[in-house]
């Protein structure tokens, strides 16, 4: 059986964390700390609840003032995470992601920092230091809610930091719809203050940072598509190297077939493309894999270029409802008049989507246009 994410916080690992803390705080009671963390309800706690509990117990078990506790935890955090374990040469490659398991360190600041306005600078300095070894993307959000103008100024400063983890925090922390985090209604309503931050980072040397920029753009596009498109157009005018970030950031609009998004990414909806009949099973057992196959022919060889190939499935839901989901197959330059498409598709239950027996439909979409559809049945 696959280990649950929350089981990372075993008794042995909690003790290991406590032992490192005790190296910096001689009055730290490791045994009492471990007992306080693993309350009677511990086994029922979710991943986030366990992290919150660890943060709470750490704060109260460490001696000193709030600022002294932050300074100590910044030192302790440096012992954990992939970035901490990497050599100096590896760190310079700028591709080491943060460890979600150690987000309870910035979680201390998240819980107690907003109630310490006199220590605002100390809290933000701690978040910047801790984000290198885990991620402070959740922990910054109470500060944004408390004083968004000051916090966004700070994030603009972070976008110019020497450390790529801190630069990523500038983008990831202000994502309006960051998954599993508290949403930011003021930035969902008006995301324009985010754009200067993203404009500092869309050509960042770190792919880790650029992906965050694209994800932030995708968040913004859900409520402000024209602002997103205007921003992407301005970036592309400045540098063609912005295309990968733009394309990933516009993925939601591209799946919707937005003409301007397709045009910005170089996909020509007027390209003359002929599709041979889709080959796809008419009956598929839930749990099996089916192969979608066809051949594309570009009739005008003078206009060979970038081609976005997608398929959409109209899923049959409970109560005869329908739910469409679009999946990308490829998004490349096609240099030959004929192109073979073969895509294995797994029909398995997922945490975000359960399959139901009944009639479904699959469609092939080229540069935002549906060229063919075929019905198929799923059965148990």
Protein backbone atom coordinates (compact mmCIF):
# COMPACT_ATOMS: atom_id res chain seq x y z
CA UNK A 1 0.00 0.00 0.00
CA UNK A 2 1.30 3.45 -0.94
CA UNK A 3 2.37 5.52 2.06
CA UNK A 4 0.15 8.52 2.71
CA UNK A 5 1.85 11.91 2.46
CA UNK A 6 0.91 12.74 6.04
CA UNK A 7 2.81 9.65 7.25
CA UNK A 8 6.06 11.44 6.43
CA UNK A 9 5.74 12.86 9.95
CA UNK A 10 6.61 9.66 11.75
CA UNK A 11 7.66 9.52 15.40
CA UNK A 12 11.28 9.04 14.29
CA UNK A 13 11.21 12.05 11.96
CA UNK A 14 9.62 14.31 14.57
CA UNK A 15 12.35 13.29 17.01
CA UNK A 16 15.02 14.00 14.37
CA UNK A 17 13.61 17.51 13.89
CA UNK A 18 13.55 18.04 17.66
CA UNK A 19 17.17 16.94 18.01
CA UNK A 20 18.33 19.56 15.50
CA UNK A 21 16.33 22.25 17.31
CA UNK A 22 17.96 21.19 20.59
CA UNK A 23 21.41 21.84 19.09
CA UNK A 24 20.49 25.54 18.86
CA UNK A 25 18.24 25.86 21.93
CA UNK A 26 19.83 24.15 24.95
CA UNK A 27 16.63 24.51 26.99
CA UNK A 28 14.52 22.76 24.34
CA UNK A 29 12.74 19.70 25.80
CA UNK A 30 12.74 17.19 22.93
CA UNK A 31 10.65 14.55 24.72
CA UNK A 32 7.95 16.98 25.78
CA UNK A 33 7.88 18.51 22.29
CA UNK A 34 7.30 15.11 20.65
CA UNK A 35 4.54 14.32 23.13
CA UNK A 36 2.86 17.68 22.50
CA UNK A 37 2.97 17.20 18.73
CA UNK A 38 1.51 13.70 18.67
CA UNK A 39 -1.72 14.31 20.52
CA UNK A 40 -4.48 11.73 20.82
CA UNK A 41 -5.97 13.06 17.57
CA UNK A 42 -2.69 12.86 15.63
CA UNK A 43 -3.64 9.74 13.65
CA UNK A 44 -6.78 11.46 12.37
CA UNK A 45 -5.00 14.67 11.36
CA UNK A 46 -4.65 15.49 7.65
CA UNK A 47 -1.32 16.50 6.10
CA UNK A 48 -2.05 20.22 6.56
CA UNK A 49 -3.29 19.69 10.12
CA UNK A 50 -0.07 17.88 11.02
CA UNK A 51 2.03 20.68 9.58
CA UNK A 52 -0.02 23.26 11.47
CA UNK A 53 0.39 21.30 14.69
CA UNK A 54 4.16 21.06 14.21
CA UNK A 55 4.39 24.81 13.64
CA UNK A 56 2.31 25.55 16.73
CA UNK A 57 4.32 23.24 19.00
CA UNK A 58 7.66 24.47 17.67
CA UNK A 59 6.79 28.07 18.38
CA UNK A 60 5.75 27.36 21.96
CA UNK A 61 8.61 24.95 22.73
CA UNK A 62 11.43 27.27 21.67
CA UNK A 63 12.67 29.83 24.18
CA UNK A 64 13.12 33.54 23.51
CA UNK A 65 11.22 36.40 21.94
CA UNK A 66 9.37 36.12 18.62
CA UNK A 67 12.34 37.52 16.68
CA UNK A 68 14.76 35.21 18.52
CA UNK A 69 12.57 32.23 17.70
CA UNK A 70 12.54 33.18 14.02
CA UNK A 71 16.32 33.52 13.94
CA UNK A 72 16.72 30.09 15.51
CA UNK A 73 14.22 28.44 13.13
CA UNK A 74 15.98 29.96 10.12
CA UNK A 75 19.14 28.18 11.26
CA UNK A 76 17.29 24.91 11.89
CA UNK A 77 15.52 25.00 8.51
CA UNK A 78 18.89 24.94 6.75
CA UNK A 79 19.33 21.32 7.83
CA UNK A 80 16.31 20.04 5.91
CA UNK A 81 15.17 19.76 2.31
CA UNK A 82 16.74 19.01 -1.06
CA UNK A 83 18.30 22.46 -1.28
CA UNK A 84 19.98 21.94 2.11
CA UNK A 85 21.37 18.58 1.01
CA UNK A 86 22.65 19.80 -2.37
CA UNK A 87 26.24 20.79 -3.02
CA UNK A 88 27.08 24.38 -3.89
CA UNK A 89 27.50 23.38 -7.56
CA UNK A 90 24.09 21.69 -7.57
CA UNK A 91 22.43 24.73 -6.03
CA UNK A 92 23.80 26.91 -8.81
CA UNK A 93 21.97 24.77 -11.40
CA UNK A 94 18.80 26.39 -10.09
CA UNK A 95 16.55 23.37 -10.59
CA UNK A 96 16.08 22.13 -7.02
CA UNK A 97 12.43 22.43 -6.00
CA UNK A 98 11.35 23.07 -2.45
CA UNK A 99 10.22 20.33 -0.05
CA UNK A 100 6.57 20.62 0.95
CA UNK A 101 7.31 18.36 3.96
CA UNK A 102 9.20 21.17 5.69
CA UNK A 103 6.62 23.92 5.14
CA UNK A 104 5.91 23.84 8.86
CA UNK A 105 8.97 26.10 9.31
CA UNK A 106 7.42 29.06 7.41
CA UNK A 107 4.14 27.83 8.93
CA UNK A 108 5.34 29.28 12.25
CA UNK A 109 5.52 32.72 10.64
CA UNK A 110 2.14 32.15 8.97
CA UNK A 111 0.47 31.41 12.32
CA UNK A 112 2.10 34.01 14.54
CA UNK A 113 3.65 36.70 12.31
CA UNK A 114 0.46 38.51 11.28
CA UNK A 115 -0.26 39.14 14.97
CA UNK A 116 3.16 40.78 15.43
CA UNK A 117 2.97 43.99 13.35
CA UNK A 118 5.99 45.38 15.17
CA UNK A 119 8.03 42.48 13.76
CA UNK A 120 6.75 42.73 10.15
CA UNK A 121 10.27 43.01 8.65
CA UNK A 122 11.60 40.14 10.75
CA UNK A 123 8.71 37.94 9.61
CA UNK A 124 9.33 38.67 5.93
CA UNK A 125 13.07 38.14 6.27
CA UNK A 126 12.36 34.77 7.87
CA UNK A 127 9.97 33.77 5.07
CA UNK A 128 12.61 34.62 2.48
CA UNK A 129 15.24 32.59 4.34
CA UNK A 130 12.97 29.58 4.96
CA UNK A 131 11.58 29.40 1.42
CA UNK A 132 14.94 28.11 0.14
CA UNK A 133 14.54 24.88 2.08
CA UNK A 134 10.79 24.32 1.76
CA UNK A 135 8.46 27.01 0.42
CA UNK A 136 6.83 30.05 1.98
CA UNK A 137 4.16 30.32 -0.73
CA UNK A 138 1.31 29.58 1.73
CA UNK A 139 2.81 31.55 4.61
CA UNK A 140 2.94 34.89 2.74
CA UNK A 141 -0.78 34.94 2.10
CA UNK A 142 -1.98 36.19 5.51
CA UNK A 143 0.44 39.09 5.08
CA UNK A 144 -1.01 39.84 1.63
CA UNK A 145 -4.50 39.80 3.11
CA UNK A 146 -3.38 42.08 5.95
CA UNK A 147 -1.55 44.70 3.86
CA UNK A 148 -1.54 43.83 0.18
CA UNK A 149 0.10 47.06 -0.98
CA UNK A 150 3.14 46.71 1.31
CA UNK A 151 3.39 42.99 0.65
CA UNK A 152 3.31 43.37 -3.13
CA UNK A 153 6.11 45.96 -2.87
CA UNK A 154 8.10 43.38 -0.93
CA UNK A 155 7.40 40.73 -3.54
CA UNK A 156 8.58 43.07 -6.28
CA UNK A 157 11.85 43.36 -4.33
CA UNK A 158 12.01 39.56 -3.97
CA UNK A 159 11.62 39.23 -7.74
CA UNK A 160 15.14 40.71 -8.03
CA UNK A 161 16.74 38.53 -5.34
CA UNK A 162 19.90 36.57 -6.12
CA UNK A 163 18.35 33.30 -4.93
CA UNK A 164 15.92 31.67 -7.35
CA UNK A 165 13.79 30.25 -4.51
CA UNK A 166 13.13 33.77 -3.25
CA UNK A 167 12.37 34.98 -6.79
CA UNK A 168 9.90 32.11 -7.19
CA UNK A 169 8.25 33.09 -3.90
CA UNK A 170 7.56 36.51 -5.42
CA UNK A 171 5.48 34.87 -8.15
CA UNK A 172 4.07 31.79 -6.43
CA UNK A 173 3.04 33.61 -3.27
CA UNK A 174 0.78 36.07 -5.10
CA UNK A 175 -0.95 33.53 -7.34
CA UNK A 176 -4.65 34.46 -7.03
CA UNK A 177 -5.79 30.82 -7.10
CA UNK A 178 -2.85 28.93 -5.62
CA UNK A 179 -4.03 25.31 -5.11
CA UNK A 180 -4.65 24.20 -1.50
CA UNK A 181 -3.98 27.74 -0.29
CA UNK A 182 -6.17 30.58 0.89
CA UNK A 183 -7.43 32.45 -2.16
CA UNK A 184 -6.76 36.16 -2.56
CA UNK A 185 -10.09 37.84 -3.46
CA UNK A 186 -8.49 41.27 -3.96
CA UNK A 187 -6.08 39.86 -6.57
CA UNK A 188 -8.75 37.70 -8.19
CA UNK A 189 -10.83 40.86 -8.59
CA UNK A 190 -7.92 43.05 -9.74
CA UNK A 191 -4.70 41.21 -10.67
CA UNK A 192 -3.01 44.23 -12.25
CA UNK A 193 -0.59 44.66 -9.28
CA UNK A 194 0.80 41.20 -10.01
CA UNK A 195 1.88 42.04 -13.57
CA UNK A 196 5.01 44.10 -12.65
CA UNK A 197 6.24 41.16 -10.55
CA UNK A 198 5.71 38.65 -13.35
CA UNK A 199 7.30 41.04 -15.85
CA UNK A 200 10.51 40.88 -13.83
CA UNK A 201 10.54 37.07 -13.94
CA UNK A 202 9.18 35.73 -17.25
CA UNK A 203 12.72 35.44 -18.67
CA UNK A 204 14.27 34.26 -15.41
CA UNK A 205 17.32 31.99 -15.67
CA UNK A 206 15.56 29.36 -13.54
CA UNK A 207 12.93 27.08 -15.11
CA UNK A 208 11.51 26.65 -11.59
CA UNK A 209 10.73 30.39 -11.50
CA UNK A 210 9.45 30.57 -15.09
CA UNK A 211 6.98 27.74 -14.45
CA UNK A 212 5.62 29.67 -11.47
CA UNK A 213 5.16 32.75 -13.67
CA UNK A 214 3.22 30.66 -16.20
CA UNK A 215 1.02 29.17 -13.48
CA UNK A 216 0.29 32.65 -12.13
CA UNK A 217 -0.67 33.81 -15.63
CA UNK A 218 -3.01 30.86 -16.00
CA UNK A 219 -4.68 31.82 -12.70
CA UNK A 220 -5.18 35.39 -13.93
CA UNK A 221 -6.54 34.25 -17.31
CA UNK A 222 -9.55 32.59 -15.66
CA UNK A 223 -11.09 35.94 -14.75
CA UNK A 224 -9.09 38.49 -16.77
CA UNK A 225 -8.27 36.95 -20.18
CA UNK A 226 -7.67 40.26 -21.97
CA UNK A 227 -5.19 41.47 -19.32
CA UNK A 228 -3.37 38.14 -19.62
CA UNK A 229 -3.30 38.33 -23.42
CA UNK A 230 -2.13 41.97 -23.40
CA UNK A 231 0.68 41.05 -20.99
CA UNK A 232 1.78 38.08 -23.09
CA UNK A 233 1.72 40.14 -26.28
CA UNK A 234 3.96 42.79 -24.72
CA UNK A 235 6.42 40.12 -23.55
CA UNK A 236 6.59 38.49 -26.97
CA UNK A 237 7.25 41.85 -28.62
CA UNK A 238 10.25 42.27 -26.33
CA UNK A 239 11.62 38.73 -26.69
CA UNK A 240 10.73 35.62 -28.68
CA UNK A 241 12.24 33.64 -25.78
CA UNK A 242 9.08 34.39 -23.82
CA UNK A 243 7.08 31.94 -25.97
CA UNK A 244 7.41 28.83 -23.71
CA UNK A 245 6.21 30.79 -20.66
CA UNK A 246 3.44 32.46 -22.65
CA UNK A 247 2.24 29.17 -24.10
CA UNK A 248 2.14 27.47 -20.71
CA UNK A 249 0.50 30.50 -19.12
CA UNK A 250 -2.19 30.62 -21.81
CA UNK A 251 -2.92 26.87 -21.63
CA UNK A 252 -6.40 27.43 -20.23
CA UNK A 253 -7.31 29.88 -23.01
CA UNK A 254 -5.70 27.63 -25.63
CA UNK A 255 -7.86 24.71 -24.50
CA UNK A 256 -10.89 26.98 -24.88
CA UNK A 257 -9.84 27.69 -28.48
CA UNK A 258 -9.30 31.40 -27.80
CA UNK A 259 -8.32 32.84 -31.19
CA UNK A 260 -6.01 35.53 -29.86
CA UNK A 261 -4.18 33.08 -27.59
CA UNK A 262 -3.73 30.67 -30.49
CA UNK A 263 -2.42 33.47 -32.71
CA UNK A 264 0.05 34.72 -30.08
CA UNK A 265 1.46 31.20 -29.73
CA UNK A 266 1.85 30.80 -33.50
CA UNK A 267 -1.02 28.41 -34.19
CA UNK A 268 -2.76 29.25 -37.46
CA UNK A 269 -6.48 28.39 -37.35
CA UNK A 270 -6.76 29.02 -41.10
CA UNK A 271 -4.15 26.37 -41.97
CA UNK A 272 -5.61 23.81 -44.39
CA UNK A 273 -5.34 20.50 -42.54
CA UNK A 274 -7.11 17.32 -43.57
CA UNK A 275 -7.81 14.58 -41.06
CA UNK A 276 -8.11 10.94 -41.92
CA UNK A 277 -10.83 9.10 -39.99
CA UNK A 278 -10.17 8.64 -36.27
CA UNK A 279 -9.31 5.12 -35.23
CA UNK A 280 -10.60 4.50 -31.74
CA UNK A 281 -12.41 1.57 -30.08
CA UNK A 282 -16.17 1.81 -29.80
CA UNK A 283 -16.24 -0.09 -26.50
CA UNK A 284 -13.66 0.25 -23.72
CA UNK A 285 -13.56 -1.42 -20.34
CA UNK A 286 -13.01 0.90 -17.38
CA UNK A 287 -9.40 0.34 -16.28
CA UNK A 288 -8.14 -0.39 -19.80
CA UNK A 289 -5.98 1.67 -22.17
CA UNK A 290 -7.20 2.64 -25.64
CA UNK A 291 -5.16 4.17 -28.49
CA UNK A 292 -6.33 7.20 -30.45
CA UNK A 293 -4.81 7.12 -33.95
CA UNK A 294 -5.17 9.19 -37.11
CA UNK A 295 -3.15 10.86 -39.87
CA UNK A 296 -3.01 14.61 -40.47
CA UNK A 297 -2.24 16.05 -43.91
CA UNK A 298 -1.36 19.71 -44.38
CA UNK A 299 -2.73 20.55 -47.81
CA UNK A 300 -0.78 23.78 -48.27
CA UNK A 301 2.89 22.83 -48.02
CA UNK A 302 3.88 26.50 -48.15
CA UNK A 303 2.24 27.08 -44.75
CA UNK A 304 3.76 24.24 -42.74
CA UNK A 305 4.23 25.44 -39.20
CA UNK A 306 3.32 25.06 -35.55
CA UNK A 307 0.48 22.69 -34.88
CA UNK A 308 -1.37 22.23 -31.59
CA UNK A 309 -2.97 18.79 -31.42
CA UNK A 310 -5.49 18.06 -28.65
CA UNK A 311 -8.25 15.63 -27.91
CA UNK A 312 -11.38 16.31 -25.89
CA UNK A 313 -13.55 13.79 -24.09
CA UNK A 314 -17.15 14.52 -23.22
CA UNK A 315 -17.50 12.35 -20.14
CA UNK A 316 -20.81 10.87 -19.13
CA UNK A 317 -21.49 11.76 -15.51
CA UNK A 318 -24.17 10.75 -13.05
CA UNK A 319 -27.68 11.82 -13.97
CA UNK A 320 -26.83 11.91 -17.71
CA UNK A 321 -24.78 15.08 -17.22
CA UNK A 322 -21.85 15.77 -19.54
CA UNK A 323 -18.42 17.11 -18.62
CA UNK A 324 -15.81 18.02 -21.23
CA UNK A 325 -12.09 17.77 -20.56
CA UNK A 326 -9.43 18.82 -23.11
CA UNK A 327 -6.00 17.15 -23.19
CA UNK A 328 -2.95 18.22 -25.18
CA UNK A 329 -1.18 15.64 -27.34
CA UNK A 330 1.56 17.81 -28.83
CA UNK A 331 2.41 21.40 -29.67
CA UNK A 332 5.27 21.36 -32.15
CA UNK A 333 6.49 22.59 -35.49
CA UNK A 334 5.45 20.11 -38.18
CA UNK A 335 7.94 20.05 -41.03
CA UNK A 336 6.33 17.33 -43.18
CA UNK A 337 3.00 17.40 -45.02
CA UNK A 338 1.81 14.22 -43.27
CA UNK A 339 1.85 13.58 -39.53
CA UNK A 340 0.88 10.42 -37.66
CA UNK A 341 -0.93 10.75 -34.33
CA UNK A 342 -0.95 7.90 -31.85
CA UNK A 343 -2.00 8.59 -28.28
CA UNK A 344 -2.57 5.91 -25.60
CA UNK A 345 -5.35 6.97 -23.21
CA UNK A 346 -5.87 5.34 -19.82
CA UNK A 347 -9.46 5.04 -18.68
CA UNK A 348 -8.91 4.72 -14.95
CA UNK A 349 -10.50 6.34 -11.92
CA UNK A 350 -8.54 9.33 -10.62
CA UNK A 351 -8.75 11.37 -7.44
CA UNK A 352 -10.16 14.28 -9.48
CA UNK A 353 -12.39 12.30 -11.84
CA UNK A 354 -14.44 9.15 -11.50
CA UNK A 355 -15.53 7.27 -14.63
CA UNK A 356 -19.06 6.07 -15.21
CA UNK A 357 -20.35 3.46 -17.69
CA UNK A 358 -22.27 4.86 -20.64
CA UNK A 359 -21.90 6.76 -23.89
CA UNK A 360 -18.96 9.15 -24.15
CA UNK A 361 -17.46 11.12 -27.03
CA UNK A 362 -13.90 11.80 -28.14
CA UNK A 363 -12.94 14.67 -30.48
CA UNK A 364 -9.70 15.60 -32.19
CA UNK A 365 -8.86 19.32 -32.08
CA UNK A 366 -6.23 20.96 -34.32
CA UNK A 367 -5.22 24.58 -33.67
CA UNK A 368 -8.41 25.15 -31.70
CA UNK A 369 -10.74 23.62 -34.29
CA UNK A 370 -12.61 20.33 -33.84
CA UNK A 371 -12.00 18.26 -36.99
CA UNK A 372 -13.73 15.01 -36.04
CA UNK A 373 -15.66 13.30 -33.23
CA UNK A 374 -16.56 9.73 -32.41
CA UNK A 375 -18.82 8.16 -29.80
CA UNK A 376 -17.64 5.29 -27.61
CA UNK A 377 -19.00 3.36 -24.66
CA UNK A 378 -17.33 2.67 -21.33
CA UNK A 379 -18.35 -0.44 -19.41
CA UNK A 380 -17.39 -2.17 -16.16
